């Protein structure tokens, strides 16, 4: 007798950012759906970029205008956005 086990479909919801708080001087603290917390300093990334569209976010007023959309942090309608896995790991 052969017993066949059908695999059970398991849906794993991807981890997303649920909250982001500006902590000053380009630091942003993020909370993820799995409870993970990460604080990132975006200043080195912004300063090292040669691209004017990225460097414009060195303006602190502009930098602070980030939003959480579709589980990720972004600035100005996708003008600046990072891979979620990198943010989770604290890499830019």
PDB file of N, CA and C in Angstrom:
ATOM      1  N   UNK A   1       0.840  -1.166   0.000  1.00  0.00           N
ATOM      2  CA  UNK A   1       0.000   0.000   0.000  1.00  0.00           C
ATOM      3  C   UNK A   1       0.889   1.234   0.000  1.00  0.00           C
ATOM      4  N   UNK A   2       0.584   2.162  -0.891  1.00  0.00           N
ATOM      5  CA  UNK A   2       1.296   3.428  -0.957  1.00  0.00           C
ATOM      6  C   UNK A   2       0.437   4.525  -0.342  1.00  0.00           C
ATOM      7  N   UNK A   3       1.018   5.254   0.553  1.00  0.00           N
ATOM      8  CA  UNK A   3       0.326   6.391   1.153  1.00  0.00           C
ATOM      9  C   UNK A   3       0.947   7.655   0.566  1.00  0.00           C
ATOM     10  N   UNK A   4       0.130   8.446  -0.041  1.00  0.00           N
ATOM     11  CA  UNK A   4       0.605   9.686  -0.663  1.00  0.00           C
ATOM     12  C   UNK A   4       0.167  10.850   0.209  1.00  0.00           C
ATOM     13  N   UNK A   5       1.131  11.624   0.585  1.00  0.00           N
ATOM     14  CA  UNK A   5       0.841  12.822   1.384  1.00  0.00           C
ATOM     15  C   UNK A   5       0.922  14.041   0.482  1.00  0.00           C
ATOM     16  N   UNK A   6      -0.173  14.724   0.395  1.00  0.00           N
ATOM     17  CA  UNK A   6      -0.197  15.964  -0.377  1.00  0.00           C
ATOM     18  C   UNK A   6       0.416  17.075   0.462  1.00  0.00           C
ATOM     19  N   UNK A   7       1.313  17.863  -0.129  1.00  0.00           N
ATOM     20  CA  UNK A   7       1.893  18.977   0.647  1.00  0.00           C
ATOM     21  C   UNK A   7       0.818  20.011   0.986  1.00  0.00           C
ATOM     22  N   UNK A   8       0.926  20.518   2.177  1.00  0.00           N
ATOM     23  CA  UNK A   8       0.000  21.548   2.628  1.00  0.00           C
ATOM     24  C   UNK A   8       0.588  22.908   2.261  1.00  0.00           C
ATOM     25  N   UNK A   9      -0.203  23.707   1.600  1.00  0.00           N
ATOM     26  CA  UNK A   9       0.257  25.049   1.224  1.00  0.00           C
ATOM     27  C   UNK A   9       0.330  25.913   2.473  1.00  0.00           C
ATOM     28  N   UNK A  10       1.460  26.534   2.650  1.00  0.00           N
ATOM     29  CA  UNK A  10       1.657  27.426   3.786  1.00  0.00           C
ATOM     30  C   UNK A  10       2.019  28.802   3.229  1.00  0.00           C
ATOM     31  N   UNK A  11       1.236  29.771   3.614  1.00  0.00           N
ATOM     32  CA  UNK A  11       1.521  31.142   3.185  1.00  0.00           C
ATOM     33  C   UNK A  11       2.223  31.865   4.323  1.00  0.00           C
ATOM     34  N   UNK A  12       3.408  32.330   4.028  1.00  0.00           N
ATOM     35  CA  UNK A  12       4.168  33.091   5.013  1.00  0.00           C
ATOM     36  C   UNK A  12       4.128  34.554   4.597  1.00  0.00           C
ATOM     37  N   UNK A  13       3.538  35.356   5.448  1.00  0.00           N
ATOM     38  CA  UNK A  13       3.435  36.781   5.145  1.00  0.00           C
ATOM     39  C   UNK A  13       4.816  37.421   5.250  1.00  0.00           C
ATOM     40  N   UNK A  14       5.217  38.170   4.240  1.00  0.00           N
ATOM     41  CA  UNK A  14       6.538  38.804   4.294  1.00  0.00           C
ATOM     42  C   UNK A  14       6.623  39.849   5.411  1.00  0.00           C
ATOM     43  N   UNK A  15       7.814  39.988   5.949  1.00  0.00           N
ATOM     44  CA  UNK A  15       8.051  40.992   6.988  1.00  0.00           C
ATOM     45  C   UNK A  15       7.977  42.370   6.347  1.00  0.00           C
ATOM     46  N   UNK A  16       7.333  43.285   7.052  1.00  0.00           N
ATOM     47  CA  UNK A  16       7.195  44.654   6.572  1.00  0.00           C
ATOM     48  C   UNK A  16       7.489  45.628   7.705  1.00  0.00           C
ATOM     49  N   UNK A  17       7.684  46.869   7.349  1.00  0.00           N
ATOM     50  CA  UNK A  17       7.848  47.929   8.334  1.00  0.00           C
ATOM     51  C   UNK A  17       6.452  48.408   8.727  1.00  0.00           C
ATOM     52  N   UNK A  18       6.204  48.487  10.029  1.00  0.00           N
ATOM     53  CA  UNK A  18       4.906  48.977  10.494  1.00  0.00           C
ATOM     54  C   UNK A  18       4.993  50.381  11.081  1.00  0.00           C
ATOM     55  N   UNK A  19       6.200  50.791  11.460  1.00  0.00           N
ATOM     56  CA  UNK A  19       6.357  52.131  12.019  1.00  0.00           C
ATOM     57  C   UNK A  19       7.790  52.589  11.821  1.00  0.00           C
ATOM     58  N   UNK A  20       7.968  53.871  11.626  1.00  0.00           N
ATOM     59  CA  UNK A  20       9.297  54.471  11.504  1.00  0.00           C
ATOM     60  C   UNK A  20       9.265  55.818  12.216  1.00  0.00           C
ATOM     61  N   UNK A  21      10.261  56.038  13.049  1.00  0.00           N
ATOM     62  CA  UNK A  21      10.326  57.259  13.857  1.00  0.00           C
ATOM     63  C   UNK A  21      11.655  57.951  13.602  1.00  0.00           C
ATOM     64  N   UNK A  22      11.583  59.228  13.252  1.00  0.00           N
ATOM     65  CA  UNK A  22      12.790  60.027  13.062  1.00  0.00           C
ATOM     66  C   UNK A  22      13.398  60.318  14.425  1.00  0.00           C
ATOM     67  N   UNK A  23      14.679  59.983  14.588  1.00  0.00           N
ATOM     68  CA  UNK A  23      15.372  60.158  15.868  1.00  0.00           C
ATOM     69  C   UNK A  23      16.359  61.313  15.858  1.00  0.00           C
ATOM     70  N   UNK A  24      16.475  62.022  14.728  1.00  0.00           N
ATOM     71  CA  UNK A  24      17.399  63.147  14.631  1.00  0.00           C
ATOM     72  C   UNK A  24      18.662  62.770  13.887  1.00  0.00           C
ATOM     73  N   UNK A  25      19.264  63.765  13.240  1.00  0.00           N
ATOM     74  CA  UNK A  25      20.537  63.574  12.521  1.00  0.00           C
ATOM     75  C   UNK A  25      20.530  62.358  11.599  1.00  0.00           C
ATOM     76  N   UNK A  26      19.488  62.210  10.785  1.00  0.00           N
ATOM     77  CA  UNK A  26      19.377  61.154   9.774  1.00  0.00           C
ATOM     78  C   UNK A  26      19.187  59.761  10.354  1.00  0.00           C
ATOM     79  N   UNK A  27      18.902  59.668  11.629  1.00  0.00           N
ATOM     80  CA  UNK A  27      18.626  58.371  12.253  1.00  0.00           C
ATOM     81  C   UNK A  27      17.128  58.093  12.190  1.00  0.00           C
ATOM     82  N   UNK A  28      16.789  56.881  11.747  1.00  0.00           N
ATOM     83  CA  UNK A  28      15.395  56.463  11.686  1.00  0.00           C
ATOM     84  C   UNK A  28      15.287  55.105  12.371  1.00  0.00           C
ATOM     85  N   UNK A  29      14.372  55.033  13.323  1.00  0.00           N
ATOM     86  CA  UNK A  29      14.103  53.784  14.028  1.00  0.00           C
ATOM     87  C   UNK A  29      12.890  53.131  13.381  1.00  0.00           C
ATOM     88  N   UNK A  30      13.037  51.852  12.988  1.00  0.00           N
ATOM     89  CA  UNK A  30      11.968  51.132  12.303  1.00  0.00           C
ATOM     90  C   UNK A  30      11.532  49.915  13.116  1.00  0.00           C
ATOM     91  N   UNK A  31      10.233  49.682  13.121  1.00  0.00           N
ATOM     92  CA  UNK A  31       9.653  48.504  13.758  1.00  0.00           C
ATOM     93  C   UNK A  31       9.041  47.642  12.661  1.00  0.00           C
ATOM     94  N   UNK A  32       9.355  46.349  12.687  1.00  0.00           N
ATOM     95  CA  UNK A  32       8.897  45.416  11.665  1.00  0.00           C
ATOM     96  C   UNK A  32       7.757  44.546  12.210  1.00  0.00           C
ATOM     97  N   UNK A  33       7.009  43.947  11.301  1.00  0.00           N
ATOM     98  CA  UNK A  33       5.846  43.151  11.686  1.00  0.00           C
ATOM     99  C   UNK A  33       6.194  41.968  12.575  1.00  0.00           C
ATOM    100  N   UNK A  34       7.427  41.487  12.528  1.00  0.00           N
ATOM    101  CA  UNK A  34       7.806  40.350  13.378  1.00  0.00           C
ATOM    102  C   UNK A  34       8.365  40.796  14.729  1.00  0.00           C
ATOM    103  N   UNK A  35       8.289  42.110  15.023  1.00  0.00           N
ATOM    104  CA  UNK A  35       8.766  42.636  16.298  1.00  0.00           C
ATOM    105  C   UNK A  35      10.208  43.106  16.277  1.00  0.00           C
ATOM    106  N   UNK A  36      10.909  42.860  15.180  1.00  0.00           N
ATOM    107  CA  UNK A  36      12.301  43.296  15.059  1.00  0.00           C
ATOM    108  C   UNK A  36      12.357  44.822  15.010  1.00  0.00           C
ATOM    109  N   UNK A  37      13.361  45.391  15.665  1.00  0.00           N
ATOM    110  CA  UNK A  37      13.604  46.836  15.653  1.00  0.00           C
ATOM    111  C   UNK A  37      14.954  47.090  15.018  1.00  0.00           C
ATOM    112  N   UNK A  38      15.059  48.180  14.289  1.00  0.00           N
ATOM    113  CA  UNK A  38      16.329  48.541  13.661  1.00  0.00           C
ATOM    114  C   UNK A  38      16.416  50.067  13.588  1.00  0.00           C
ATOM    115  N   UNK A  39      17.545  50.607  14.014  1.00  0.00           N
ATOM    116  CA  UNK A  39      17.793  52.037  13.852  1.00  0.00           C
ATOM    117  C   UNK A  39      18.933  52.182  12.848  1.00  0.00           C
ATOM    118  N   UNK A  40      18.691  52.972  11.818  1.00  0.00           N
ATOM    119  CA  UNK A  40      19.692  53.167  10.770  1.00  0.00           C
ATOM    120  C   UNK A  40      20.074  54.629  10.658  1.00  0.00           C
ATOM    121  N   UNK A  41      21.354  54.839  10.388  1.00  0.00           N
ATOM    122  CA  UNK A  41      21.887  56.168  10.116  1.00  0.00           C
ATOM    123  C   UNK A  41      22.019  56.295   8.601  1.00  0.00           C
ATOM    124  N   UNK A  42      21.186  57.105   7.992  1.00  0.00           N
ATOM    125  CA  UNK A  42      21.174  57.269   6.547  1.00  0.00           C
ATOM    126  C   UNK A  42      22.211  58.283   6.057  1.00  0.00           C
ATOM    127  N   UNK A  43      22.808  59.046   6.967  1.00  0.00           N
ATOM    128  CA  UNK A  43      23.716  60.120   6.568  1.00  0.00           C
ATOM    129  C   UNK A  43      24.921  59.631   5.758  1.00  0.00           C
ATOM    130  N   UNK A  44      25.634  58.582   6.179  1.00  0.00           N
ATOM    131  CA  UNK A  44      26.775  58.144   5.372  1.00  0.00           C
ATOM    132  C   UNK A  44      26.376  57.782   3.939  1.00  0.00           C
ATOM    133  N   UNK A  45      25.250  57.111   3.774  1.00  0.00           N
ATOM    134  CA  UNK A  45      24.788  56.756   2.428  1.00  0.00           C
ATOM    135  C   UNK A  45      24.534  58.019   1.605  1.00  0.00           C
ATOM    136  N   UNK A  46      23.831  58.978   2.189  1.00  0.00           N
ATOM    137  CA  UNK A  46      23.501  60.207   1.474  1.00  0.00           C
ATOM    138  C   UNK A  46      24.752  61.013   1.126  1.00  0.00           C
ATOM    139  N   UNK A  47      25.688  61.095   2.053  1.00  0.00           N
ATOM    140  CA  UNK A  47      26.910  61.870   1.827  1.00  0.00           C
ATOM    141  C   UNK A  47      27.823  61.226   0.786  1.00  0.00           C
ATOM    142  N   UNK A  48      27.836  59.907   0.726  1.00  0.00           N
ATOM    143  CA  UNK A  48      28.725  59.214  -0.204  1.00  0.00           C
ATOM    144  C   UNK A  48      28.183  59.164  -1.628  1.00  0.00           C
ATOM    145  N   UNK A  49      26.915  59.441  -1.786  1.00  0.00           N
ATOM    146  CA  UNK A  49      26.319  59.389  -3.119  1.00  0.00           C
ATOM    147  C   UNK A  49      26.779  60.580  -3.958  1.00  0.00           C
ATOM    148  N   UNK A  50      27.018  60.327  -5.225  1.00  0.00           N
ATOM    149  CA  UNK A  50      27.356  61.395  -6.172  1.00  0.00           C
ATOM    150  C   UNK A  50      26.131  61.857  -6.953  1.00  0.00           C
ATOM    151  N   UNK A  51      25.022  61.186  -6.759  1.00  0.00           N
ATOM    152  CA  UNK A  51      23.827  61.492  -7.526  1.00  0.00           C
ATOM    153  C   UNK A  51      23.049  62.628  -6.857  1.00  0.00           C
ATOM    154  N   UNK A  52      22.791  63.709  -7.594  1.00  0.00           N
ATOM    155  CA  UNK A  52      22.096  64.858  -6.994  1.00  0.00           C
ATOM    156  C   UNK A  52      20.682  64.536  -6.509  1.00  0.00           C
ATOM    157  N   UNK A  53      20.008  63.574  -7.131  1.00  0.00           N
ATOM    158  CA  UNK A  53      18.659  63.214  -6.695  1.00  0.00           C
ATOM    159  C   UNK A  53      18.681  62.543  -5.327  1.00  0.00           C
ATOM    160  N   UNK A  54      19.776  61.893  -4.996  1.00  0.00           N
ATOM    161  CA  UNK A  54      19.928  61.279  -3.673  1.00  0.00           C
ATOM    162  C   UNK A  54      20.479  62.291  -2.676  1.00  0.00           C
ATOM    163  N   UNK A  55      21.474  63.052  -3.088  1.00  0.00           N
ATOM    164  CA  UNK A  55      22.100  64.029  -2.189  1.00  0.00           C
ATOM    165  C   UNK A  55      21.125  65.106  -1.714  1.00  0.00           C
ATOM    166  N   UNK A  56      20.075  65.348  -2.464  1.00  0.00           N
ATOM    167  CA  UNK A  56      19.111  66.386  -2.046  1.00  0.00           C
ATOM    168  C   UNK A  56      18.434  66.020  -0.730  1.00  0.00           C
ATOM    169  N   UNK A  57      18.462  64.735  -0.364  1.00  0.00           N
ATOM    170  CA  UNK A  57      17.861  64.316   0.898  1.00  0.00           C
ATOM    171  C   UNK A  57      18.770  64.602   2.093  1.00  0.00           C
ATOM    172  N   UNK A  58      19.923  65.218   1.850  1.00  0.00           N
ATOM    173  CA  UNK A  58      20.727  65.748   2.956  1.00  0.00           C
ATOM    174  C   UNK A  58      20.040  66.953   3.589  1.00  0.00           C
ATOM    175  N   UNK A  59      19.102  67.538   2.870  1.00  0.00           N
ATOM    176  CA  UNK A  59      18.253  68.584   3.434  1.00  0.00           C
ATOM    177  C   UNK A  59      17.376  67.908   4.492  1.00  0.00           C
ATOM    178  N   UNK A  60      17.604  68.226   5.755  1.00  0.00           N
ATOM    179  CA  UNK A  60      16.898  67.543   6.845  1.00  0.00           C
ATOM    180  C   UNK A  60      15.379  67.691   6.760  1.00  0.00           C
ATOM    181  N   UNK A  61      14.909  68.844   6.307  1.00  0.00           N
ATOM    182  CA  UNK A  61      13.458  69.023   6.176  1.00  0.00           C
ATOM    183  C   UNK A  61      12.888  68.026   5.164  1.00  0.00           C
ATOM    184  N   UNK A  62      13.581  67.840   4.064  1.00  0.00           N
ATOM    185  CA  UNK A  62      13.154  66.888   3.049  1.00  0.00           C
ATOM    186  C   UNK A  62      13.315  65.456   3.547  1.00  0.00           C
ATOM    187  N   UNK A  63      14.413  65.171   4.216  1.00  0.00           N
ATOM    188  CA  UNK A  63      14.669  63.817   4.714  1.00  0.00           C
ATOM    189  C   UNK A  63      13.575  63.356   5.679  1.00  0.00           C
ATOM    190  N   UNK A  64      13.098  64.257   6.491  1.00  0.00           N
ATOM    191  CA  UNK A  64      12.102  63.906   7.505  1.00  0.00           C
ATOM    192  C   UNK A  64      10.709  63.633   6.927  1.00  0.00           C
ATOM    193  N   UNK A  65      10.545  63.817   5.640  1.00  0.00           N
ATOM    194  CA  UNK A  65       9.231  63.629   5.017  1.00  0.00           C
ATOM    195  C   UNK A  65       9.015  62.199   4.506  1.00  0.00           C
ATOM    196  N   UNK A  66       9.616  61.228   5.153  1.00  0.00           N
ATOM    197  CA  UNK A  66       9.425  59.841   4.732  1.00  0.00           C
ATOM    198  C   UNK A  66       8.041  59.342   5.130  1.00  0.00           C
ATOM    199  N   UNK A  67       7.629  58.278   4.461  1.00  0.00           N
ATOM    200  CA  UNK A  67       6.338  57.645   4.733  1.00  0.00           C
ATOM    201  C   UNK A  67       6.522  56.127   4.722  1.00  0.00           C
ATOM    202  N   UNK A  68       5.603  55.449   5.360  1.00  0.00           N
ATOM    203  CA  UNK A  68       5.533  53.994   5.260  1.00  0.00           C
ATOM    204  C   UNK A  68       4.427  53.700   4.255  1.00  0.00           C
ATOM    205  N   UNK A  69       4.799  53.031   3.170  1.00  0.00           N
ATOM    206  CA  UNK A  69       3.829  52.643   2.147  1.00  0.00           C
ATOM    207  C   UNK A  69       4.078  51.200   1.753  1.00  0.00           C
ATOM    208  N   UNK A  70       3.040  50.445   1.739  1.00  0.00           N
ATOM    209  CA  UNK A  70       3.111  49.040   1.355  1.00  0.00           C
ATOM    210  C   UNK A  70       4.206  48.302   2.129  1.00  0.00           C
ATOM    211  N   UNK A  71       4.366  48.658   3.402  1.00  0.00           N
ATOM    212  CA  UNK A  71       5.301  47.957   4.268  1.00  0.00           C
ATOM    213  C   UNK A  71       6.747  48.358   4.150  1.00  0.00           C
ATOM    214  N   UNK A  72       7.034  49.438   3.430  1.00  0.00           N
ATOM    215  CA  UNK A  72       8.407  49.899   3.283  1.00  0.00           C
ATOM    216  C   UNK A  72       8.467  51.409   3.503  1.00  0.00           C
ATOM    217  N   UNK A  73       9.648  51.878   3.861  1.00  0.00           N
ATOM    218  CA  UNK A  73       9.853  53.316   4.056  1.00  0.00           C
ATOM    219  C   UNK A  73      10.287  53.921   2.722  1.00  0.00           C
ATOM    220  N   UNK A  74       9.705  55.059   2.407  1.00  0.00           N
ATOM    221  CA  UNK A  74      10.076  55.720   1.156  1.00  0.00           C
ATOM    222  C   UNK A  74       9.966  57.230   1.312  1.00  0.00           C
ATOM    223  N   UNK A  75      10.630  57.903   0.404  1.00  0.00           N
ATOM    224  CA  UNK A  75      10.621  59.356   0.361  1.00  0.00           C
ATOM    225  C   UNK A  75      10.086  59.799  -0.993  1.00  0.00           C
ATOM    226  N   UNK A  76       9.182  60.743  -0.979  1.00  0.00           N
ATOM    227  CA  UNK A  76       8.694  61.435  -2.188  1.00  0.00           C
ATOM    228  C   UNK A  76       8.326  60.497  -3.332  1.00  0.00           C
ATOM    229  N   UNK A  77       7.310  59.703  -3.152  1.00  0.00           N
ATOM    230  CA  UNK A  77       6.800  58.860  -4.244  1.00  0.00           C
ATOM    231  C   UNK A  77       7.905  58.030  -4.914  1.00  0.00           C
ATOM    232  N   UNK A  78       8.677  57.331  -4.109  1.00  0.00           N
ATOM    233  CA  UNK A  78       9.722  56.418  -4.567  1.00  0.00           C
ATOM    234  C   UNK A  78      10.991  57.116  -5.065  1.00  0.00           C
ATOM    235  N   UNK A  79      11.180  58.401  -4.753  1.00  0.00           N
ATOM    236  CA  UNK A  79      12.440  59.057  -5.117  1.00  0.00           C
ATOM    237  C   UNK A  79      13.605  58.425  -4.366  1.00  0.00           C
ATOM    238  N   UNK A  80      13.333  57.955  -3.159  1.00  0.00           N
ATOM    239  CA  UNK A  80      14.351  57.280  -2.360  1.00  0.00           C
ATOM    240  C   UNK A  80      13.668  56.129  -1.634  1.00  0.00           C
ATOM    241  N   UNK A  81      14.157  54.914  -1.895  1.00  0.00           N
ATOM    242  CA  UNK A  81      13.602  53.707  -1.275  1.00  0.00           C
ATOM    243  C   UNK A  81      14.710  52.666  -1.241  1.00  0.00           C
ATOM    244  N   UNK A  82      14.653  51.788  -0.265  1.00  0.00           N
ATOM    245  CA  UNK A  82      15.704  50.791  -0.069  1.00  0.00           C
ATOM    246  C   UNK A  82      15.093  49.395  -0.021  1.00  0.00           C
ATOM    247  N   UNK A  83      15.865  48.375  -0.387  1.00  0.00           N
ATOM    248  CA  UNK A  83      15.356  47.011  -0.252  1.00  0.00           C
ATOM    249  C   UNK A  83      15.026  46.704   1.207  1.00  0.00           C
ATOM    250  N   UNK A  84      13.871  46.158   1.426  1.00  0.00           N
ATOM    251  CA  UNK A  84      13.401  45.870   2.778  1.00  0.00           C
ATOM    252  C   UNK A  84      14.352  44.951   3.543  1.00  0.00           C
ATOM    253  N   UNK A  85      14.907  43.962   2.852  1.00  0.00           N
ATOM    254  CA  UNK A  85      15.849  43.027   3.514  1.00  0.00           C
ATOM    255  C   UNK A  85      17.080  43.757   4.022  1.00  0.00           C
ATOM    256  N   UNK A  86      17.559  44.749   3.259  1.00  0.00           N
ATOM    257  CA  UNK A  86      18.717  45.530   3.703  1.00  0.00           C
ATOM    258  C   UNK A  86      18.392  46.358   4.938  1.00  0.00           C
ATOM    259  N   UNK A  87      17.222  46.977   4.946  1.00  0.00           N
ATOM    260  CA  UNK A  87      16.824  47.766   6.116  1.00  0.00           C
ATOM    261  C   UNK A  87      16.706  46.874   7.344  1.00  0.00           C
ATOM    262  N   UNK A  88      16.143  45.709   7.172  1.00  0.00           N
ATOM    263  CA  UNK A  88      15.958  44.763   8.262  1.00  0.00           C
ATOM    264  C   UNK A  88      17.320  44.366   8.864  1.00  0.00           C
ATOM    265  N   UNK A  89      18.310  44.177   7.979  1.00  0.00           N
ATOM    266  CA  UNK A  89      19.652  43.772   8.421  1.00  0.00           C
ATOM    267  C   UNK A  89      20.524  44.951   8.849  1.00  0.00           C
ATOM    268  N   UNK A  90      20.036  46.159   8.675  1.00  0.00           N
ATOM    269  CA  UNK A  90      20.797  47.342   9.073  1.00  0.00           C
ATOM    270  C   UNK A  90      21.866  47.743   8.070  1.00  0.00           C
ATOM    271  N   UNK A  91      21.622  47.418   6.797  1.00  0.00           N
ATOM    272  CA  UNK A  91      22.582  47.735   5.728  1.00  0.00           C
ATOM    273  C   UNK A  91      21.971  48.729   4.750  1.00  0.00           C
ATOM    274  N   UNK A  92      22.795  49.620   4.289  1.00  0.00           N
ATOM    275  CA  UNK A  92      22.367  50.533   3.233  1.00  0.00           C
ATOM    276  C   UNK A  92      23.325  50.425   2.062  1.00  0.00           C
TER     277      UNK A  92
END
